[in-house]
């Protein structure tokens, strides 16, 4: 009887080993499928479902019908209107601004650092109150310096810090000039010593 039990035990062990192997291969295949599905979902979410379908079918992307910004010329008028709109913006550079900002060392001690900033203001010179911008240049520079002195080194880190800085300077330029003619702040140099 021991000889008949031995082949059954060997067959059961082989079946158990084969079953374990099949289950492991099944789990690996399931994980691979789920990973591929997650990748496809991530790509579809990032580029949009229509762009993904266009890419798969090798078609030209369909342009999205986005509403034209207020005051912009319709798209079918040609490039002449775009060039005319682009010419209405003027750039006014500011003198170099140097202020002290606070910084925290690795040990937690507060220190001061120099911030050197070269900026320029882009504004719409065809706006009815654009003349106020040049008259208020010194006041804008003063408002910029007041804001910059309140900053810490941490406030200026990364792309988010630069975006916030530009937004705050633009907001102050619009407030001081009393108009919406200021359109953008361009940062030529930003150095922290």
N, C-alpha and C. Protein backbone atom coordinates (compact mmCIF):
# COMPACT_ATOMS: atom_id res chain seq x y z
N UNK A 1 0.80 -1.19 0.00
CA UNK A 1 0.00 0.00 0.00
C UNK A 1 0.84 1.25 0.00
N UNK A 2 1.98 1.17 0.59
CA UNK A 2 2.84 2.33 0.62
C UNK A 2 3.31 2.72 -0.76
N UNK A 3 3.43 1.74 -1.66
CA UNK A 3 3.85 2.07 -3.01
C UNK A 3 2.74 2.77 -3.77
N UNK A 4 1.46 2.46 -3.51
CA UNK A 4 0.37 3.15 -4.19
C UNK A 4 0.14 4.55 -3.62
N UNK A 5 0.45 4.79 -2.37
CA UNK A 5 0.29 6.10 -1.75
C UNK A 5 1.37 7.05 -2.24
N UNK A 6 2.51 6.51 -2.53
CA UNK A 6 3.61 7.34 -2.98
C UNK A 6 3.34 7.98 -4.33
N UNK A 7 2.83 7.26 -5.36
CA UNK A 7 2.53 7.93 -6.62
C UNK A 7 1.41 8.95 -6.47
N UNK A 8 0.44 8.70 -5.65
CA UNK A 8 -0.63 9.68 -5.44
C UNK A 8 -0.08 10.95 -4.77
N UNK A 9 0.79 10.77 -3.82
CA UNK A 9 1.39 11.93 -3.14
C UNK A 9 2.26 12.73 -4.11
N UNK A 10 2.98 12.01 -4.97
CA UNK A 10 3.83 12.69 -5.96
C UNK A 10 2.97 13.44 -6.97
N UNK A 11 1.87 12.82 -7.39
CA UNK A 11 0.96 13.48 -8.33
C UNK A 11 0.31 14.70 -7.68
N UNK A 12 -0.05 14.57 -6.42
CA UNK A 12 -0.66 15.70 -5.71
C UNK A 12 0.35 16.84 -5.55
N UNK A 13 1.59 16.50 -5.25
CA UNK A 13 2.62 17.53 -5.11
C UNK A 13 2.89 18.21 -6.44
N UNK A 14 2.93 17.38 -7.52
CA UNK A 14 3.13 17.97 -8.85
C UNK A 14 1.96 18.85 -9.24
N UNK A 15 0.76 18.41 -8.95
CA UNK A 15 -0.43 19.21 -9.25
C UNK A 15 -0.42 20.50 -8.43
N UNK A 16 -0.02 20.41 -7.17
CA UNK A 16 0.05 21.59 -6.31
C UNK A 16 1.11 22.56 -6.82
N UNK A 17 2.25 22.05 -7.25
CA UNK A 17 3.32 22.90 -7.78
C UNK A 17 2.87 23.56 -9.08
N UNK A 18 2.24 22.78 -9.95
CA UNK A 18 1.74 23.31 -11.21
C UNK A 18 0.65 24.35 -10.96
N UNK A 19 -0.22 24.10 -10.01
CA UNK A 19 -1.28 25.06 -9.66
C UNK A 19 -0.70 26.36 -9.12
N UNK A 20 0.33 26.25 -8.28
CA UNK A 20 0.98 27.44 -7.74
C UNK A 20 1.63 28.24 -8.87
N UNK A 21 2.29 27.53 -9.80
CA UNK A 21 2.94 28.19 -10.92
C UNK A 21 1.90 28.91 -11.80
N UNK A 22 0.79 28.26 -12.07
CA UNK A 22 -0.26 28.85 -12.90
C UNK A 22 -0.85 30.08 -12.21
N UNK A 23 -1.05 29.99 -10.91
CA UNK A 23 -1.57 31.15 -10.18
C UNK A 23 -0.58 32.31 -10.22
N UNK A 24 0.69 32.04 -10.06
CA UNK A 24 1.69 33.11 -10.09
C UNK A 24 1.76 33.76 -11.46
N UNK A 25 1.74 32.94 -12.50
CA UNK A 25 1.75 33.49 -13.86
C UNK A 25 0.48 34.31 -14.09
N UNK A 26 -0.65 33.82 -13.59
CA UNK A 26 -1.90 34.56 -13.72
C UNK A 26 -1.84 35.91 -13.02
N UNK A 27 -1.26 35.95 -11.83
CA UNK A 27 -1.14 37.21 -11.08
C UNK A 27 -0.22 38.17 -11.82
N UNK A 28 0.89 37.65 -12.36
CA UNK A 28 1.82 38.51 -13.10
C UNK A 28 1.13 39.07 -14.34
N UNK A 29 0.39 38.23 -15.07
CA UNK A 29 -0.33 38.70 -16.26
C UNK A 29 -1.40 39.72 -15.90
N UNK A 30 -2.09 39.48 -14.79
CA UNK A 30 -3.11 40.44 -14.34
C UNK A 30 -2.48 41.78 -13.99
N UNK A 31 -1.34 41.75 -13.29
CA UNK A 31 -0.64 43.00 -12.95
C UNK A 31 -0.16 43.71 -14.20
N UNK A 32 0.33 42.97 -15.17
CA UNK A 32 0.79 43.58 -16.43
C UNK A 32 -0.39 44.22 -17.15
N UNK A 33 -1.52 43.56 -17.18
CA UNK A 33 -2.72 44.11 -17.84
C UNK A 33 -3.19 45.37 -17.12
N UNK A 34 -3.24 45.32 -15.79
CA UNK A 34 -3.68 46.50 -15.04
C UNK A 34 -2.71 47.67 -15.21
N UNK A 35 -1.40 47.37 -15.28
CA UNK A 35 -0.42 48.44 -15.51
C UNK A 35 -0.60 49.07 -16.88
N UNK A 36 -0.84 48.23 -17.90
CA UNK A 36 -1.06 48.76 -19.25
C UNK A 36 -2.34 49.59 -19.29
N UNK A 37 -3.38 49.14 -18.61
CA UNK A 37 -4.63 49.89 -18.58
C UNK A 37 -4.44 51.23 -17.85
N UNK A 38 -3.68 51.22 -16.76
CA UNK A 38 -3.42 52.47 -16.04
C UNK A 38 -2.59 53.42 -16.89
N UNK A 39 -1.63 52.89 -17.63
CA UNK A 39 -0.81 53.73 -18.51
C UNK A 39 -1.68 54.35 -19.61
N UNK A 40 -2.53 53.55 -20.21
CA UNK A 40 -3.41 54.07 -21.25
C UNK A 40 -4.37 55.11 -20.68
N UNK A 41 -4.88 54.87 -19.49
CA UNK A 41 -5.76 55.85 -18.85
C UNK A 41 -5.04 57.14 -18.52
N UNK A 42 -3.80 57.03 -18.06
CA UNK A 42 -3.02 58.23 -17.76
C UNK A 42 -2.72 59.04 -19.00
N UNK A 43 -2.38 58.36 -20.08
CA UNK A 43 -2.12 59.06 -21.34
C UNK A 43 -3.40 59.72 -21.85
N UNK A 44 -4.51 59.00 -21.77
CA UNK A 44 -5.78 59.57 -22.23
C UNK A 44 -6.17 60.78 -21.39
N UNK A 45 -5.90 60.73 -20.09
CA UNK A 45 -6.24 61.86 -19.23
C UNK A 45 -5.33 63.05 -19.48
N UNK A 46 -4.07 62.80 -19.82
CA UNK A 46 -3.15 63.92 -20.02
C UNK A 46 -3.31 64.60 -21.37
N UNK A 47 -3.55 63.83 -22.43
CA UNK A 47 -3.67 64.45 -23.75
C UNK A 47 -5.12 64.63 -24.18
N UNK A 48 -6.02 63.98 -23.48
CA UNK A 48 -7.43 64.07 -23.84
C UNK A 48 -7.82 62.87 -24.69
N UNK A 49 -9.04 62.43 -24.53
CA UNK A 49 -9.46 61.23 -25.26
C UNK A 49 -9.48 61.42 -26.77
N UNK A 50 -9.87 62.61 -27.24
CA UNK A 50 -9.94 62.83 -28.68
C UNK A 50 -8.54 62.81 -29.31
N UNK A 51 -7.57 63.40 -28.63
CA UNK A 51 -6.19 63.39 -29.14
C UNK A 51 -5.63 61.98 -29.16
N UNK A 52 -6.00 61.16 -28.15
CA UNK A 52 -5.54 59.78 -28.12
C UNK A 52 -6.13 58.99 -29.29
N UNK A 53 -7.42 59.18 -29.56
CA UNK A 53 -8.06 58.50 -30.69
C UNK A 53 -7.42 58.95 -32.00
N UNK A 54 -7.17 60.25 -32.13
CA UNK A 54 -6.52 60.76 -33.34
C UNK A 54 -5.13 60.15 -33.52
N UNK A 55 -4.39 59.98 -32.43
CA UNK A 55 -3.05 59.39 -32.52
C UNK A 55 -3.12 57.92 -32.92
N UNK A 56 -4.04 57.19 -32.31
CA UNK A 56 -4.17 55.76 -32.61
C UNK A 56 -4.59 55.55 -34.06
N UNK A 57 -5.51 56.36 -34.55
CA UNK A 57 -6.01 56.22 -35.91
C UNK A 57 -5.15 56.95 -36.94
N UNK A 58 -4.04 57.57 -36.50
CA UNK A 58 -3.12 58.29 -37.38
C UNK A 58 -3.83 59.41 -38.15
N UNK A 59 -4.73 60.12 -37.47
CA UNK A 59 -5.43 61.23 -38.10
C UNK A 59 -4.82 62.55 -37.65
N UNK A 60 -5.11 63.59 -38.41
CA UNK A 60 -4.70 64.93 -38.00
C UNK A 60 -5.56 65.34 -36.80
N UNK A 61 -4.97 65.98 -35.80
CA UNK A 61 -5.76 66.39 -34.64
C UNK A 61 -6.82 67.41 -35.05
N UNK A 62 -7.97 67.27 -34.42
CA UNK A 62 -9.05 68.21 -34.68
C UNK A 62 -8.86 69.42 -33.78
N UNK A 63 -8.93 70.63 -34.34
CA UNK A 63 -8.75 71.82 -33.50
C UNK A 63 -9.95 71.99 -32.58
N UNK A 64 -9.65 72.35 -31.34
CA UNK A 64 -10.72 72.61 -30.38
C UNK A 64 -11.31 73.98 -30.68
N UNK A 65 -12.59 74.07 -30.60
CA UNK A 65 -13.27 75.35 -30.84
C UNK A 65 -13.32 76.11 -29.53
N UNK A 66 -12.26 76.85 -29.25
CA UNK A 66 -12.20 77.65 -28.04
C UNK A 66 -12.72 79.05 -28.33
N UNK A 67 -13.44 79.64 -27.39
CA UNK A 67 -13.92 80.99 -27.63
C UNK A 67 -12.77 81.98 -27.70
N UNK A 68 -12.90 82.95 -28.57
CA UNK A 68 -11.86 83.98 -28.72
C UNK A 68 -11.87 84.88 -27.50
N UNK A 69 -10.69 85.32 -27.04
CA UNK A 69 -10.63 86.23 -25.91
C UNK A 69 -11.34 87.54 -26.24
N UNK A 70 -11.80 88.18 -25.18
CA UNK A 70 -12.51 89.44 -25.35
C UNK A 70 -11.62 90.47 -26.03
N UNK A 71 -12.13 91.08 -27.06
CA UNK A 71 -11.39 92.11 -27.78
C UNK A 71 -10.49 91.56 -28.86
N UNK A 72 -10.42 90.24 -29.00
CA UNK A 72 -9.55 89.65 -30.03
C UNK A 72 -10.31 89.55 -31.34
N UNK A 73 -9.56 89.61 -32.43
CA UNK A 73 -10.17 89.51 -33.75
C UNK A 73 -10.54 88.06 -34.03
N UNK A 74 -11.58 87.79 -34.80
CA UNK A 74 -11.92 86.42 -35.16
C UNK A 74 -10.78 85.75 -35.90
N UNK A 75 -10.71 84.42 -35.78
CA UNK A 75 -9.57 83.68 -36.34
C UNK A 75 -9.54 83.70 -37.85
N UNK A 76 -10.69 83.87 -38.51
CA UNK A 76 -10.70 83.78 -39.97
C UNK A 76 -10.35 85.08 -40.66
N UNK A 77 -9.93 86.09 -39.92
CA UNK A 77 -9.56 87.36 -40.54
C UNK A 77 -8.10 87.36 -41.00
N UNK A 78 -7.35 86.32 -40.70
CA UNK A 78 -5.97 86.24 -41.17
C UNK A 78 -5.00 86.68 -40.10
N UNK A 79 -3.74 86.72 -40.48
CA UNK A 79 -2.68 87.05 -39.53
C UNK A 79 -2.46 88.54 -39.37
N UNK A 80 -3.02 89.37 -40.21
CA UNK A 80 -2.84 90.81 -40.11
C UNK A 80 -3.36 91.36 -38.80
N UNK A 81 -4.48 90.84 -38.32
CA UNK A 81 -5.05 91.31 -37.06
C UNK A 81 -4.16 90.91 -35.89
N UNK A 82 -3.55 89.71 -35.95
CA UNK A 82 -2.66 89.28 -34.88
C UNK A 82 -1.42 90.16 -34.81
N UNK A 83 -0.86 90.50 -35.96
CA UNK A 83 0.33 91.36 -35.97
C UNK A 83 -0.01 92.75 -35.45
N UNK A 84 -1.18 93.26 -35.79
CA UNK A 84 -1.58 94.57 -35.31
C UNK A 84 -1.76 94.56 -33.81
N UNK A 85 -2.34 93.49 -33.26
CA UNK A 85 -2.53 93.38 -31.82
C UNK A 85 -1.19 93.27 -31.11
N UNK A 86 -0.25 92.53 -31.68
CA UNK A 86 1.05 92.36 -31.06
C UNK A 86 1.82 93.67 -31.01
N UNK A 87 1.60 94.57 -31.96
CA UNK A 87 2.33 95.83 -31.99
C UNK A 87 1.83 96.82 -30.95
N UNK A 88 0.68 96.57 -30.34
CA UNK A 88 0.15 97.52 -29.38
C UNK A 88 0.78 97.38 -28.00
N UNK A 89 1.64 96.41 -27.79
CA UNK A 89 2.27 96.25 -26.50
C UNK A 89 3.64 96.89 -26.48
N UNK A 90 3.91 97.60 -25.41
CA UNK A 90 5.21 98.24 -25.23
C UNK A 90 5.90 97.62 -24.01
N UNK A 91 7.21 97.69 -23.99
CA UNK A 91 7.99 97.15 -22.89
C UNK A 91 8.73 98.29 -22.22
N UNK A 92 8.57 98.37 -20.89
CA UNK A 92 9.23 99.42 -20.13
C UNK A 92 10.12 98.75 -19.08
N UNK A 93 11.45 98.81 -19.28
CA UNK A 93 12.34 98.20 -18.28
C UNK A 93 12.48 99.08 -17.04
N UNK A 94 12.65 98.43 -15.92
CA UNK A 94 12.91 99.14 -14.66
C UNK A 94 14.40 99.11 -14.39
N UNK A 95 14.87 100.07 -13.60
CA UNK A 95 16.25 100.01 -13.14
C UNK A 95 16.41 98.80 -12.23
N UNK A 96 17.63 98.36 -12.08
CA UNK A 96 17.91 97.21 -11.23
C UNK A 96 17.43 97.46 -9.81
N UNK A 97 16.77 96.47 -9.22
CA UNK A 97 16.25 96.57 -7.86
C UNK A 97 17.06 95.63 -6.98
N UNK A 98 17.61 96.17 -5.89
CA UNK A 98 18.35 95.37 -4.92
C UNK A 98 17.74 95.61 -3.55
N UNK A 99 17.29 94.53 -2.91
CA UNK A 99 16.69 94.61 -1.58
C UNK A 99 17.23 93.49 -0.71
N UNK A 100 17.03 93.61 0.60
CA UNK A 100 17.36 92.54 1.54
C UNK A 100 16.13 91.68 1.74
N UNK A 101 16.33 90.37 1.73
CA UNK A 101 15.25 89.44 2.08
C UNK A 101 15.74 88.56 3.20
N UNK A 102 14.81 87.93 3.92
CA UNK A 102 15.22 87.07 5.02
C UNK A 102 15.37 85.64 4.55
N UNK A 103 16.24 84.93 5.25
CA UNK A 103 16.51 83.54 4.94
C UNK A 103 16.72 82.81 6.26
N UNK A 104 16.46 81.51 6.25
CA UNK A 104 16.66 80.70 7.43
C UNK A 104 17.75 79.69 7.13
N UNK A 105 18.75 79.62 8.01
CA UNK A 105 19.84 78.68 7.81
C UNK A 105 19.40 77.27 8.21
N UNK A 106 20.27 76.29 7.99
CA UNK A 106 19.96 74.90 8.34
C UNK A 106 19.77 74.73 9.84
N UNK A 107 20.44 75.57 10.63
CA UNK A 107 20.30 75.47 12.09
C UNK A 107 19.09 76.24 12.60
N UNK A 108 18.36 76.91 11.71
CA UNK A 108 17.16 77.63 12.11
C UNK A 108 17.37 79.10 12.41
N UNK A 109 18.58 79.59 12.21
CA UNK A 109 18.89 80.99 12.48
C UNK A 109 18.45 81.84 11.29
N UNK A 110 17.88 83.01 11.56
CA UNK A 110 17.42 83.91 10.50
C UNK A 110 18.56 84.83 10.09
N UNK A 111 18.75 84.93 8.78
CA UNK A 111 19.78 85.80 8.23
C UNK A 111 19.15 86.63 7.12
N UNK A 112 19.93 87.56 6.60
CA UNK A 112 19.45 88.35 5.47
C UNK A 112 20.31 88.05 4.25
N UNK A 113 19.69 88.16 3.12
CA UNK A 113 20.38 87.96 1.85
C UNK A 113 20.00 89.10 0.91
N UNK A 114 20.83 89.32 -0.09
CA UNK A 114 20.53 90.31 -1.12
C UNK A 114 19.72 89.65 -2.23
N UNK A 115 18.71 90.36 -2.68
CA UNK A 115 17.95 89.94 -3.86
C UNK A 115 18.16 91.01 -4.92
N UNK A 116 18.68 90.60 -6.06
CA UNK A 116 18.91 91.51 -7.19
C UNK A 116 17.91 91.11 -8.26
N UNK A 117 17.14 92.09 -8.74
CA UNK A 117 16.06 91.80 -9.67
C UNK A 117 16.05 92.82 -10.80
N UNK A 118 16.03 92.31 -12.03
CA UNK A 118 15.85 93.14 -13.22
C UNK A 118 14.53 92.72 -13.86
N UNK A 119 13.60 93.66 -13.91
CA UNK A 119 12.29 93.36 -14.48
C UNK A 119 11.92 94.38 -15.54
N UNK A 120 10.96 94.00 -16.36
CA UNK A 120 10.39 94.91 -17.35
C UNK A 120 8.88 94.71 -17.32
N UNK A 121 8.17 95.78 -17.60
CA UNK A 121 6.72 95.76 -17.62
C UNK A 121 6.24 95.80 -19.06
N UNK A 122 5.40 94.86 -19.44
CA UNK A 122 4.77 94.85 -20.75
C UNK A 122 3.39 95.45 -20.56
N UNK A 123 3.07 96.47 -21.36
CA UNK A 123 1.76 97.12 -21.20
C UNK A 123 1.19 97.47 -22.56
N UNK A 124 -0.11 97.67 -22.58
CA UNK A 124 -0.84 98.02 -23.79
C UNK A 124 -0.75 99.53 -23.98
N UNK A 125 0.08 99.96 -24.94
CA UNK A 125 0.27 101.40 -25.13
C UNK A 125 -0.89 102.06 -25.87
N UNK A 126 -1.86 101.27 -26.37
CA UNK A 126 -3.03 101.85 -27.02
C UNK A 126 -4.20 102.04 -26.06
N UNK A 127 -4.04 101.57 -24.83
CA UNK A 127 -5.10 101.75 -23.83
C UNK A 127 -5.27 103.24 -23.52
N UNK A 128 -6.49 103.62 -23.19
CA UNK A 128 -6.77 105.05 -22.97
C UNK A 128 -6.02 105.63 -21.78
N UNK A 129 -5.63 104.81 -20.81
CA UNK A 129 -4.91 105.31 -19.63
C UNK A 129 -3.47 104.80 -19.58
N UNK A 130 -2.90 104.48 -20.74
CA UNK A 130 -1.53 103.98 -20.80
C UNK A 130 -0.50 105.06 -20.45
N UNK A 131 -0.85 106.33 -20.65
CA UNK A 131 0.07 107.41 -20.33
C UNK A 131 0.39 107.49 -18.85
N UNK A 132 -0.51 106.99 -18.02
CA UNK A 132 -0.29 107.00 -16.57
C UNK A 132 0.84 106.06 -16.16
N UNK A 133 1.13 105.08 -16.98
CA UNK A 133 2.14 104.09 -16.59
C UNK A 133 3.51 104.74 -16.50
N UNK A 134 3.89 105.49 -17.50
CA UNK A 134 5.20 106.13 -17.47
C UNK A 134 5.28 107.20 -16.38
N UNK A 135 4.17 107.89 -16.13
CA UNK A 135 4.16 108.90 -15.08
C UNK A 135 4.28 108.28 -13.69
N UNK A 136 3.80 107.05 -13.53
CA UNK A 136 3.78 106.38 -12.22
C UNK A 136 4.94 105.38 -12.05
N UNK A 137 5.94 105.47 -12.91
CA UNK A 137 7.04 104.51 -12.89
C UNK A 137 7.74 104.46 -11.53
N UNK A 138 8.07 105.59 -10.95
CA UNK A 138 8.76 105.61 -9.66
C UNK A 138 7.89 105.03 -8.55
N UNK A 139 6.60 105.27 -8.62
CA UNK A 139 5.69 104.73 -7.61
C UNK A 139 5.57 103.20 -7.73
N UNK A 140 5.59 102.73 -8.97
CA UNK A 140 5.56 101.27 -9.18
C UNK A 140 6.82 100.63 -8.63
N UNK A 141 7.96 101.25 -8.90
CA UNK A 141 9.23 100.72 -8.39
C UNK A 141 9.22 100.69 -6.87
N UNK A 142 8.68 101.71 -6.24
CA UNK A 142 8.59 101.75 -4.78
C UNK A 142 7.67 100.65 -4.27
N UNK A 143 6.54 100.43 -4.94
CA UNK A 143 5.62 99.37 -4.53
C UNK A 143 6.28 98.00 -4.69
N UNK A 144 7.06 97.83 -5.77
CA UNK A 144 7.78 96.57 -5.97
C UNK A 144 8.77 96.34 -4.84
N UNK A 145 9.53 97.39 -4.48
CA UNK A 145 10.53 97.25 -3.42
C UNK A 145 9.87 96.93 -2.08
N UNK A 146 8.75 97.58 -1.78
CA UNK A 146 8.04 97.30 -0.53
C UNK A 146 7.63 95.83 -0.46
N UNK A 147 7.12 95.31 -1.55
CA UNK A 147 6.71 93.90 -1.58
C UNK A 147 7.91 92.97 -1.46
N UNK A 148 8.98 93.26 -2.21
CA UNK A 148 10.15 92.38 -2.22
C UNK A 148 10.82 92.29 -0.86
N UNK A 149 10.78 93.38 -0.09
CA UNK A 149 11.40 93.35 1.24
C UNK A 149 10.67 92.42 2.20
N UNK A 150 9.42 92.12 1.92
CA UNK A 150 8.64 91.24 2.79
C UNK A 150 8.86 89.76 2.49
N UNK A 151 9.52 89.46 1.38
CA UNK A 151 9.71 88.08 0.96
C UNK A 151 10.80 87.38 1.74
N UNK A 152 10.70 86.06 1.77
CA UNK A 152 11.78 85.23 2.28
C UNK A 152 12.38 84.46 1.11
N UNK A 153 13.54 83.88 1.34
CA UNK A 153 14.18 83.11 0.27
C UNK A 153 13.29 81.94 -0.16
N UNK A 154 12.58 81.38 0.78
CA UNK A 154 11.69 80.25 0.49
C UNK A 154 10.54 80.65 -0.43
N UNK A 155 10.09 81.90 -0.34
CA UNK A 155 8.99 82.38 -1.19
C UNK A 155 9.37 82.38 -2.67
N UNK A 156 10.64 82.42 -2.97
CA UNK A 156 11.11 82.54 -4.35
C UNK A 156 11.59 81.22 -4.94
N UNK A 157 11.40 80.12 -4.24
CA UNK A 157 11.91 78.84 -4.72
C UNK A 157 10.97 78.23 -5.76
N UNK A 158 11.55 77.68 -6.79
CA UNK A 158 10.82 76.92 -7.79
C UNK A 158 10.02 77.78 -8.75
N UNK A 159 9.36 77.10 -9.67
CA UNK A 159 8.57 77.81 -10.67
C UNK A 159 7.33 78.44 -10.05
N UNK A 160 6.79 77.83 -9.00
CA UNK A 160 5.63 78.41 -8.32
C UNK A 160 6.00 79.74 -7.67
N UNK A 161 7.20 79.82 -7.10
CA UNK A 161 7.66 81.06 -6.51
C UNK A 161 7.80 82.17 -7.53
N UNK A 162 8.34 81.84 -8.71
CA UNK A 162 8.47 82.84 -9.77
C UNK A 162 7.10 83.28 -10.29
N UNK A 163 6.19 82.34 -10.41
CA UNK A 163 4.84 82.68 -10.88
C UNK A 163 4.15 83.61 -9.90
N UNK A 164 4.27 83.32 -8.62
CA UNK A 164 3.66 84.19 -7.60
C UNK A 164 4.29 85.58 -7.63
N UNK A 165 5.62 85.62 -7.76
CA UNK A 165 6.32 86.90 -7.80
C UNK A 165 5.82 87.75 -8.97
N UNK A 166 5.74 87.15 -10.15
CA UNK A 166 5.28 87.89 -11.32
C UNK A 166 3.83 88.36 -11.14
N UNK A 167 2.99 87.50 -10.58
CA UNK A 167 1.59 87.87 -10.38
C UNK A 167 1.45 89.01 -9.38
N UNK A 168 2.22 88.97 -8.30
CA UNK A 168 2.14 90.04 -7.30
C UNK A 168 2.68 91.36 -7.84
N UNK A 169 3.78 91.30 -8.60
CA UNK A 169 4.31 92.54 -9.18
C UNK A 169 3.34 93.12 -10.20
N UNK A 170 2.71 92.27 -11.00
CA UNK A 170 1.73 92.74 -11.98
C UNK A 170 0.52 93.36 -11.27
N UNK A 171 0.08 92.73 -10.20
CA UNK A 171 -1.06 93.28 -9.45
C UNK A 171 -0.73 94.66 -8.90
N UNK A 172 0.48 94.83 -8.40
CA UNK A 172 0.89 96.13 -7.87
C UNK A 172 1.04 97.16 -8.99
N UNK A 173 1.55 96.74 -10.15
CA UNK A 173 1.67 97.67 -11.27
C UNK A 173 0.30 98.16 -11.71
N UNK A 174 -0.68 97.28 -11.75
CA UNK A 174 -2.04 97.69 -12.13
C UNK A 174 -2.66 98.59 -11.07
N UNK A 175 -2.40 98.30 -9.80
CA UNK A 175 -2.97 99.13 -8.74
C UNK A 175 -2.36 100.52 -8.73
N UNK A 176 -1.05 100.62 -8.90
CA UNK A 176 -0.39 101.92 -8.88
C UNK A 176 -0.74 102.74 -10.11
N UNK A 177 -0.81 102.10 -11.27
CA UNK A 177 -1.12 102.85 -12.50
C UNK A 177 -2.61 103.16 -12.60
N UNK A 178 -3.42 102.44 -11.86
CA UNK A 178 -4.86 102.68 -11.89
C UNK A 178 -5.49 102.23 -13.20
N UNK A 179 -4.88 101.26 -13.89
CA UNK A 179 -5.43 100.80 -15.16
C UNK A 179 -5.13 99.33 -15.36
N UNK A 180 -5.76 98.77 -16.38
CA UNK A 180 -5.50 97.38 -16.76
C UNK A 180 -4.52 97.30 -17.92
N UNK A 181 -3.86 98.40 -18.23
CA UNK A 181 -2.90 98.42 -19.33
C UNK A 181 -1.71 97.50 -19.08
N UNK A 182 -1.17 97.37 -17.84
CA UNK A 182 -0.08 96.42 -17.62
C UNK A 182 -0.55 94.99 -17.89
N UNK A 183 0.21 94.28 -18.75
CA UNK A 183 -0.20 92.94 -19.16
C UNK A 183 0.68 91.84 -18.58
N UNK A 184 1.97 92.12 -18.43
CA UNK A 184 2.89 91.06 -18.02
C UNK A 184 4.12 91.66 -17.38
N UNK A 185 4.72 90.90 -16.48
CA UNK A 185 6.00 91.25 -15.89
C UNK A 185 7.03 90.27 -16.44
N UNK A 186 8.09 90.80 -17.02
CA UNK A 186 9.17 89.96 -17.52
C UNK A 186 10.34 90.06 -16.56
N UNK A 187 10.87 88.92 -16.17
CA UNK A 187 12.01 88.88 -15.25
C UNK A 187 13.26 88.53 -16.04
N UNK A 188 14.18 89.49 -16.12
CA UNK A 188 15.43 89.25 -16.84
C UNK A 188 16.45 88.57 -15.92
N UNK A 189 16.61 89.07 -14.71
CA UNK A 189 17.57 88.50 -13.74
C UNK A 189 16.91 88.43 -12.38
N UNK A 190 17.15 87.34 -11.69
CA UNK A 190 16.75 87.20 -10.30
C UNK A 190 17.89 86.46 -9.61
N UNK A 191 18.63 87.19 -8.79
CA UNK A 191 19.80 86.61 -8.14
C UNK A 191 19.66 86.80 -6.63
N UNK A 192 19.88 85.72 -5.90
CA UNK A 192 19.87 85.78 -4.45
C UNK A 192 21.27 85.44 -3.99
N UNK A 193 21.89 86.36 -3.22
CA UNK A 193 23.24 86.13 -2.70
C UNK A 193 23.17 85.76 -1.25
